[in-house]
N, C-alpha and C. Protein backbone atom coordinates (compact mmCIF):
# COMPACT_ATOMS: atom_id res chain seq x y z
N UNK A 1 -48.76 -74.61 1.36
CA UNK A 1 -49.00 -73.25 1.02
C UNK A 1 -49.96 -72.29 3.06
N UNK A 2 -49.28 -71.10 3.19
CA UNK A 2 -49.98 -70.38 3.96
C UNK A 2 -50.28 -68.99 3.56
N UNK A 3 -51.47 -68.69 3.77
CA UNK A 3 -51.74 -67.11 3.49
C UNK A 3 -51.43 -66.38 4.84
N UNK A 4 -50.68 -65.26 4.94
CA UNK A 4 -50.06 -64.41 5.59
C UNK A 4 -51.00 -63.07 5.50
N UNK A 5 -51.48 -62.58 6.58
CA UNK A 5 -52.15 -61.68 6.30
C UNK A 5 -52.40 -61.21 8.57
N UNK A 6 -51.05 -60.56 8.93
CA UNK A 6 -50.89 -60.30 9.86
C UNK A 6 -51.84 -58.84 10.08
N UNK A 7 -52.61 -59.21 11.68
CA UNK A 7 -53.63 -57.80 11.95
C UNK A 7 -52.48 -56.73 12.36
N UNK A 8 -50.99 -56.82 12.16
CA UNK A 8 -50.43 -55.20 12.41
C UNK A 8 -50.15 -54.25 10.76
N UNK A 9 -50.67 -55.54 9.65
CA UNK A 9 -50.44 -54.89 8.59
C UNK A 9 -51.71 -54.66 8.03
N UNK A 10 -52.02 -53.10 6.75
CA UNK A 10 -53.06 -53.48 6.65
C UNK A 10 -53.77 -54.45 6.04
N UNK A 11 -54.98 -55.07 5.81
CA UNK A 11 -56.11 -56.51 5.42
C UNK A 11 -55.96 -55.51 4.03
N UNK A 12 -56.03 -57.07 3.85
CA UNK A 12 -56.21 -56.91 2.01
C UNK A 12 -57.72 -56.11 1.84
N UNK A 13 -57.83 -55.11 0.63
CA UNK A 13 -59.06 -54.47 0.24
C UNK A 13 -59.85 -55.77 -0.42
N UNK A 14 -59.37 -56.81 -1.32
CA UNK A 14 -60.11 -57.31 -1.34
C UNK A 14 -59.44 -58.87 -1.69
N UNK A 15 -60.57 -59.76 -2.56
CA UNK A 15 -59.42 -60.91 -2.79
C UNK A 15 -58.41 -61.46 -2.60
N UNK A 16 -57.57 -61.26 -1.90
CA UNK A 16 -56.28 -61.78 -2.40
C UNK A 16 -54.79 -61.76 -0.79
N UNK A 17 -53.94 -62.41 -1.09
CA UNK A 17 -53.50 -62.52 0.72
C UNK A 17 -52.51 -61.00 0.38
N UNK A 18 -51.93 -60.70 1.57
CA UNK A 18 -50.28 -60.04 1.76
C UNK A 18 -49.19 -61.22 1.09
N UNK A 19 -49.64 -62.14 1.46
CA UNK A 19 -48.28 -62.88 1.29
C UNK A 19 -48.49 -64.18 1.45
N UNK A 20 -48.18 -65.23 0.90
CA UNK A 20 -47.80 -66.30 0.75
C UNK A 20 -47.29 -67.49 0.79
N UNK A 21 -46.88 -68.43 2.04
CA UNK A 21 -45.76 -68.77 2.76
C UNK A 21 -45.40 -70.16 2.17
N UNK A 22 -44.58 -70.55 1.37
CA UNK A 22 -44.29 -71.67 0.77
C UNK A 22 -43.30 -72.83 1.40
N UNK A 23 -43.36 -73.13 1.63
CA UNK A 23 -42.60 -74.88 2.32
C UNK A 23 -42.29 -75.74 1.85
N UNK A 24 -41.23 -76.75 2.02
CA UNK A 24 -40.94 -78.12 1.47
C UNK A 24 -40.80 -77.77 0.31
N UNK A 25 -40.73 -79.55 -0.19
CA UNK A 25 -40.08 -79.10 -1.48
C UNK A 25 -41.35 -79.26 -2.49
N UNK A 26 -40.99 -79.63 -3.46
CA UNK A 26 -42.10 -78.64 -4.96
C UNK A 26 -41.87 -78.65 -5.42
N UNK A 27 -42.87 -78.38 -6.87
CA UNK A 27 -42.68 -77.83 -8.39
C UNK A 27 -42.92 -76.70 -8.09
N UNK A 28 -42.29 -75.56 -9.12
CA UNK A 28 -42.56 -74.35 -9.09
C UNK A 28 -43.08 -74.22 -10.66
N UNK A 29 -44.15 -73.15 -10.70
CA UNK A 29 -43.96 -72.80 -11.84
C UNK A 29 -44.45 -71.34 -12.27
N UNK A 30 -43.64 -70.99 -12.70
CA UNK A 30 -43.61 -69.23 -13.56
C UNK A 30 -44.11 -68.85 -14.61
N UNK A 31 -45.01 -68.43 -14.58
CA UNK A 31 -46.23 -67.95 -15.63
C UNK A 31 -45.70 -66.62 -16.26
N UNK A 32 -45.35 -66.96 -17.98
CA UNK A 32 -45.17 -65.14 -18.58
C UNK A 32 -46.22 -64.52 -18.57
N UNK A 33 -46.13 -63.44 -18.72
CA UNK A 33 -47.34 -62.24 -18.59
C UNK A 33 -47.79 -62.99 -19.77
N UNK A 34 -49.27 -62.89 -19.30
CA UNK A 34 -50.42 -63.92 -20.33
C UNK A 34 -51.20 -62.80 -20.75
N UNK A 35 -51.91 -62.18 -21.82
CA UNK A 35 -52.80 -61.10 -22.57
C UNK A 35 -53.53 -61.77 -23.30
N UNK A 36 -54.68 -60.36 -23.82
CA UNK A 36 -56.21 -61.12 -24.38
C UNK A 36 -56.01 -61.23 -25.42
N UNK A 37 -55.23 -62.41 -25.81
CA UNK A 37 -54.88 -62.51 -27.23
C UNK A 37 -55.58 -64.30 -27.50
N UNK A 38 -56.39 -64.72 -28.17
CA UNK A 38 -56.83 -65.70 -28.46
C UNK A 38 -55.49 -66.93 -29.09
N UNK A 39 -55.84 -68.31 -28.75
CA UNK A 39 -55.11 -68.88 -29.54
C UNK A 39 -54.33 -69.05 -30.97
N UNK A 40 -55.69 -68.36 -31.57
CA UNK A 40 -55.74 -67.89 -33.00
C UNK A 40 -54.89 -66.88 -33.33
N UNK A 41 -54.44 -66.45 -32.68
CA UNK A 41 -53.64 -64.92 -32.66
C UNK A 41 -54.33 -63.55 -32.83
N UNK A 42 -55.93 -63.72 -32.68
CA UNK A 42 -56.81 -62.70 -32.66
C UNK A 42 -56.76 -61.68 -30.90
N UNK A 43 -57.06 -60.09 -31.19
CA UNK A 43 -57.15 -60.02 -30.05
C UNK A 43 -58.24 -59.83 -29.07
N UNK A 44 -58.35 -60.01 -28.58
CA UNK A 44 -59.96 -59.83 -27.83
C UNK A 44 -60.26 -58.18 -27.31
N UNK A 45 -61.51 -57.81 -27.76
CA UNK A 45 -61.97 -56.39 -27.73
C UNK A 45 -62.48 -55.94 -26.34
N UNK A 46 -62.13 -55.19 -26.29
CA UNK A 46 -62.55 -54.47 -24.80
C UNK A 46 -61.67 -55.21 -23.69
N UNK A 47 -61.66 -54.04 -22.15
CA UNK A 47 -60.52 -54.26 -21.08
C UNK A 47 -60.93 -55.85 -20.62
N UNK A 48 -62.40 -56.15 -20.31
CA UNK A 48 -63.15 -56.46 -19.60
C UNK A 48 -63.01 -58.37 -20.22
N UNK A 49 -62.93 -57.83 -21.63
CA UNK A 49 -62.86 -59.35 -22.10
C UNK A 49 -61.67 -59.75 -22.17
N UNK A 50 -60.14 -58.40 -22.50
CA UNK A 50 -59.00 -59.42 -22.61
C UNK A 50 -58.62 -59.90 -21.73
N UNK A 51 -59.17 -59.12 -20.05
CA UNK A 51 -58.54 -59.74 -18.96
C UNK A 51 -59.29 -61.19 -18.78
N UNK A 52 -60.48 -61.46 -19.28
CA UNK A 52 -61.02 -63.37 -19.26
C UNK A 52 -60.14 -63.77 -20.34
N UNK A 53 -59.51 -62.94 -21.15
CA UNK A 53 -58.56 -64.30 -21.76
C UNK A 53 -57.86 -64.47 -21.85
N UNK A 54 -56.74 -63.47 -20.98
CA UNK A 54 -55.64 -63.61 -20.76
C UNK A 54 -56.04 -64.23 -18.93
N UNK A 55 -56.74 -64.43 -18.57
CA UNK A 55 -57.07 -65.86 -17.03
C UNK A 55 -56.86 -66.86 -17.87
N UNK A 56 -57.96 -66.52 -18.79
CA UNK A 56 -57.88 -68.22 -19.50
C UNK A 56 -56.47 -68.68 -20.15
N UNK A 57 -56.07 -67.97 -20.53
CA UNK A 57 -54.49 -68.59 -20.81
C UNK A 57 -53.57 -69.00 -19.82
N UNK A 58 -53.89 -67.77 -18.34
CA UNK A 58 -53.38 -68.01 -17.47
C UNK A 58 -53.51 -69.85 -16.73
N UNK A 59 -54.79 -70.19 -16.94
CA UNK A 59 -55.78 -71.30 -16.28
C UNK A 59 -55.36 -72.35 -17.42
N UNK A 60 -55.04 -72.01 -18.16
CA UNK A 60 -54.76 -73.00 -19.57
C UNK A 60 -53.12 -73.65 -18.85
N UNK A 61 -52.29 -72.31 -19.33
CA UNK A 61 -50.94 -72.87 -18.81
C UNK A 61 -51.20 -73.72 -17.10
N UNK A 62 -51.43 -73.31 -16.55
CA UNK A 62 -51.75 -74.00 -14.67
C UNK A 62 -52.17 -75.64 -15.15
N UNK A 63 -53.47 -75.72 -15.95
CA UNK A 63 -53.39 -77.42 -16.22
C UNK A 63 -53.15 -77.92 -16.63
N UNK A 64 -51.96 -77.13 -17.82
CA UNK A 64 -50.97 -77.98 -18.46
C UNK A 64 -50.08 -78.87 -18.20
N UNK A 65 -49.35 -77.58 -17.04
CA UNK A 65 -48.26 -78.49 -16.35
C UNK A 65 -48.93 -79.19 -15.64
N UNK A 66 -49.85 -79.35 -15.04
CA UNK A 66 -50.50 -80.61 -13.99
C UNK A 66 -50.58 -79.92 -13.04
N UNK A 67 -51.08 -78.33 -12.86
CA UNK A 67 -51.30 -77.31 -11.14
C UNK A 67 -52.69 -77.77 -11.27
N UNK A 68 -52.96 -76.74 -10.39
CA UNK A 68 -54.86 -76.31 -9.92
C UNK A 68 -54.71 -74.88 -9.83
N UNK A 69 -55.83 -74.40 -10.28
CA UNK A 69 -56.03 -72.51 -9.83
C UNK A 69 -55.58 -72.37 -7.75
N UNK A 70 -55.45 -73.56 -7.63
CA UNK A 70 -55.39 -73.34 -6.00
C UNK A 70 -54.15 -73.29 -5.60
N UNK A 71 -52.95 -73.54 -6.92
CA UNK A 71 -51.63 -73.61 -6.51
C UNK A 71 -51.27 -72.67 -6.56
N UNK A 72 -51.78 -71.69 -7.68
CA UNK A 72 -51.07 -69.92 -7.74
C UNK A 72 -51.34 -69.72 -6.32
N UNK A 73 -49.91 -68.96 -6.33
CA UNK A 73 -49.31 -68.60 -5.43
C UNK A 73 -49.10 -66.43 -5.59
N UNK A 74 -48.83 -66.46 -6.42
CA UNK A 74 -48.45 -64.69 -6.62
C UNK A 74 -48.62 -64.08 -8.25
N UNK A 75 -49.35 -63.25 -8.11
CA UNK A 75 -50.14 -62.49 -9.66
C UNK A 75 -49.50 -61.54 -9.53
N UNK A 76 -48.82 -60.93 -10.66
CA UNK A 76 -48.84 -59.15 -11.06
C UNK A 76 -49.97 -58.98 -12.06
N UNK A 77 -50.74 -57.82 -11.85
CA UNK A 77 -51.48 -57.27 -12.94
C UNK A 77 -51.45 -56.24 -13.78
N UNK A 78 -51.28 -55.70 -14.76
CA UNK A 78 -50.98 -54.65 -15.46
C UNK A 78 -52.24 -54.40 -16.49
N UNK A 79 -52.76 -53.07 -15.81
CA UNK A 79 -53.63 -52.30 -16.95
C UNK A 79 -53.14 -51.49 -17.60
N UNK A 80 -53.51 -50.79 -18.86
CA UNK A 80 -53.59 -49.86 -19.44
C UNK A 80 -54.66 -48.13 -19.50
N UNK A 81 -55.83 -48.61 -18.71
CA UNK A 81 -56.56 -48.04 -18.88
C UNK A 81 -56.57 -47.39 -16.97
N UNK A 82 -56.64 -46.71 -16.44
CA UNK A 82 -56.62 -46.04 -14.99
C UNK A 82 -58.48 -46.21 -14.80
N UNK A 83 -58.27 -46.74 -13.28
CA UNK A 83 -59.27 -46.46 -12.56
C UNK A 83 -60.24 -48.22 -12.79
N UNK A 84 -59.26 -49.11 -13.36
CA UNK A 84 -60.08 -49.94 -13.37
C UNK A 84 -60.02 -51.44 -12.57
N UNK A 85 -59.34 -50.94 -11.64
CA UNK A 85 -59.06 -51.88 -10.65
C UNK A 85 -60.49 -52.95 -10.18
N UNK A 86 -61.95 -52.22 -10.13
CA UNK A 86 -62.74 -52.97 -10.11
C UNK A 86 -63.35 -54.11 -10.61
N UNK A 87 -63.05 -53.47 -12.28
CA UNK A 87 -63.39 -54.45 -13.32
C UNK A 87 -62.22 -55.70 -13.04
N UNK A 88 -61.15 -55.37 -12.91
CA UNK A 88 -59.69 -56.22 -12.31
C UNK A 88 -60.23 -56.85 -11.49
N UNK A 89 -61.02 -57.33 -10.11
CA UNK A 89 -61.46 -57.30 -9.08
C UNK A 89 -62.54 -58.52 -9.58
N UNK A 90 -63.17 -57.29 -10.14
CA UNK A 90 -65.02 -58.86 -10.32
C UNK A 90 -64.13 -59.59 -11.28
N UNK A 91 -63.18 -59.60 -12.78
CA UNK A 91 -62.39 -60.77 -13.60
C UNK A 91 -62.17 -61.56 -12.46
N UNK A 92 -60.96 -60.98 -11.47
CA UNK A 92 -60.22 -61.72 -10.41
C UNK A 92 -61.43 -62.98 -10.57
N UNK A 93 -62.06 -62.90 -8.99
CA UNK A 93 -62.88 -63.42 -8.04
C UNK A 93 -63.85 -64.11 -9.22
N UNK A 94 -63.64 -63.85 -10.59
CA UNK A 94 -64.70 -65.13 -10.77
C UNK A 94 -63.62 -65.83 -11.32
N UNK A 95 -62.65 -65.72 -11.80
CA UNK A 95 -62.14 -66.62 -12.02
C UNK A 95 -60.94 -67.44 -11.13
N UNK A 96 -60.74 -66.81 -10.26
CA UNK A 96 -60.03 -68.02 -8.79
C UNK A 96 -61.04 -68.22 -8.29
N UNK A 97 -61.99 -68.52 -8.13
CA UNK A 97 -63.40 -69.23 -7.20
C UNK A 97 -62.58 -69.04 -6.09
N UNK A 98 -62.45 -68.12 -5.41
CA UNK A 98 -62.89 -68.11 -4.09
C UNK A 98 -60.77 -68.24 -3.19
N UNK A 99 -60.34 -68.34 -4.72
CA UNK A 99 -59.16 -68.98 -4.39
C UNK A 99 -57.72 -67.46 -4.30
N UNK A 100 -57.07 -66.83 -2.88
CA UNK A 100 -56.54 -65.89 -2.94
C UNK A 100 -55.09 -65.88 -2.37
N UNK A 101 -54.21 -65.22 -3.51
CA UNK A 101 -52.78 -65.73 -3.76
C UNK A 101 -52.22 -63.97 -3.20
N UNK A 102 -51.26 -64.04 -3.49
CA UNK A 102 -50.86 -62.30 -3.26
C UNK A 102 -51.19 -62.42 -4.75
N UNK A 103 -51.70 -60.37 -4.75
CA UNK A 103 -51.56 -60.31 -5.75
C UNK A 103 -51.02 -58.78 -5.93
N UNK A 104 -50.73 -58.30 -7.16
CA UNK A 104 -50.09 -56.76 -7.03
C UNK A 104 -50.73 -56.17 -8.52
N UNK A 105 -51.41 -55.12 -8.49
CA UNK A 105 -52.17 -54.00 -9.75
C UNK A 105 -51.16 -53.46 -9.83
N UNK A 106 -51.42 -53.21 -11.16
CA UNK A 106 -50.23 -51.92 -11.60
C UNK A 106 -51.13 -51.20 -12.82
N UNK A 107 -51.31 -49.95 -12.64
CA UNK A 107 -52.13 -49.15 -13.65
C UNK A 107 -50.35 -48.35 -14.70
N UNK A 108 -50.53 -48.86 -15.89
CA UNK A 108 -49.11 -48.17 -16.91
C UNK A 108 -49.54 -47.61 -17.35
N UNK A 109 -48.62 -47.31 -18.39
CA UNK A 109 -48.47 -46.47 -19.65
C UNK A 109 -48.94 -47.22 -21.24
N UNK A 110 -48.52 -48.29 -20.78
CA UNK A 110 -48.37 -49.43 -22.33
C UNK A 110 -48.14 -50.88 -22.22
N UNK A 111 -48.50 -51.23 -23.45
CA UNK A 111 -47.79 -53.14 -23.13
C UNK A 111 -46.87 -52.74 -24.30
N UNK A 112 -46.74 -54.08 -25.14
CA UNK A 112 -45.92 -54.62 -25.77
C UNK A 112 -46.63 -53.71 -27.83
N UNK A 113 -48.28 -54.12 -27.54
CA UNK A 113 -49.15 -53.44 -28.28
C UNK A 113 -49.63 -52.66 -27.70
N UNK A 114 -50.04 -50.97 -28.82
CA UNK A 114 -51.00 -50.30 -28.22
C UNK A 114 -52.63 -50.44 -27.89
N UNK A 115 -53.23 -52.38 -29.04
CA UNK A 115 -54.71 -52.62 -28.81
C UNK A 115 -54.29 -53.12 -27.62
N UNK A 116 -53.15 -53.51 -27.07
CA UNK A 116 -53.01 -54.17 -25.80
C UNK A 116 -53.61 -53.68 -24.29
N UNK A 117 -54.17 -54.24 -23.44
CA UNK A 117 -54.85 -53.26 -22.61
C UNK A 117 -54.72 -53.95 -21.05
N UNK A 118 -54.26 -54.67 -21.12
CA UNK A 118 -53.94 -55.90 -19.61
C UNK A 118 -52.76 -57.16 -19.84
N UNK A 119 -51.64 -57.43 -19.25
CA UNK A 119 -51.08 -58.43 -19.09
C UNK A 119 -51.13 -59.08 -17.11
N UNK A 120 -51.09 -60.68 -17.52
CA UNK A 120 -51.39 -60.91 -16.31
C UNK A 120 -50.12 -62.04 -16.51
N UNK A 121 -49.56 -61.61 -15.50
CA UNK A 121 -48.36 -63.24 -14.98
C UNK A 121 -48.22 -63.62 -13.36
N UNK A 122 -47.69 -64.75 -13.00
CA UNK A 122 -47.88 -65.16 -12.05
C UNK A 122 -47.24 -66.58 -11.82
N UNK A 123 -47.32 -66.46 -10.69
CA UNK A 123 -46.24 -67.99 -9.86
C UNK A 123 -46.92 -69.06 -8.96
N UNK A 124 -46.90 -70.44 -9.63
CA UNK A 124 -47.65 -71.18 -8.78
C UNK A 124 -47.12 -72.07 -8.38
N UNK A 125 -47.01 -72.84 -7.18
CA UNK A 125 -46.21 -74.06 -6.27
C UNK A 125 -47.00 -75.06 -5.83
N UNK A 126 -46.82 -76.35 -5.86
CA UNK A 126 -47.73 -77.20 -6.06
C UNK A 126 -46.28 -78.62 -4.98
N UNK A 127 -47.24 -79.10 -3.76
CA UNK A 127 -45.91 -79.91 -3.19
C UNK A 127 -46.16 -81.17 -4.19
N UNK A 128 -44.74 -81.40 -3.84
CA UNK A 128 -44.18 -82.46 -4.78
C UNK A 128 -44.85 -84.28 -4.29
């Protein structure tokens, strides 16, 4: 995996990469959107709490598949509260512990349930 941040495009505004180059054979993990719901089905309160739970869910899937957080290559984040990119960046940086993968942040009008405030989907790849 090689991080791509060319000098002739805007540099990332925070801890992410403009692109991730994957080469060779290996395993690819595609992660469905994860939300701020615990395994027991309860919804976590507040945006930051839901983001943290969504991240815990993503990382649990990564581990269960035999991957590590460093194998994450791409993330797409959906948030229903405008102006929350700072909160997202803070939680993401804590959860990724310095790992920088391709990242897209979107503010949208709603998710599957009105009480859901964020969703995180992603991809990971590791060598065979």
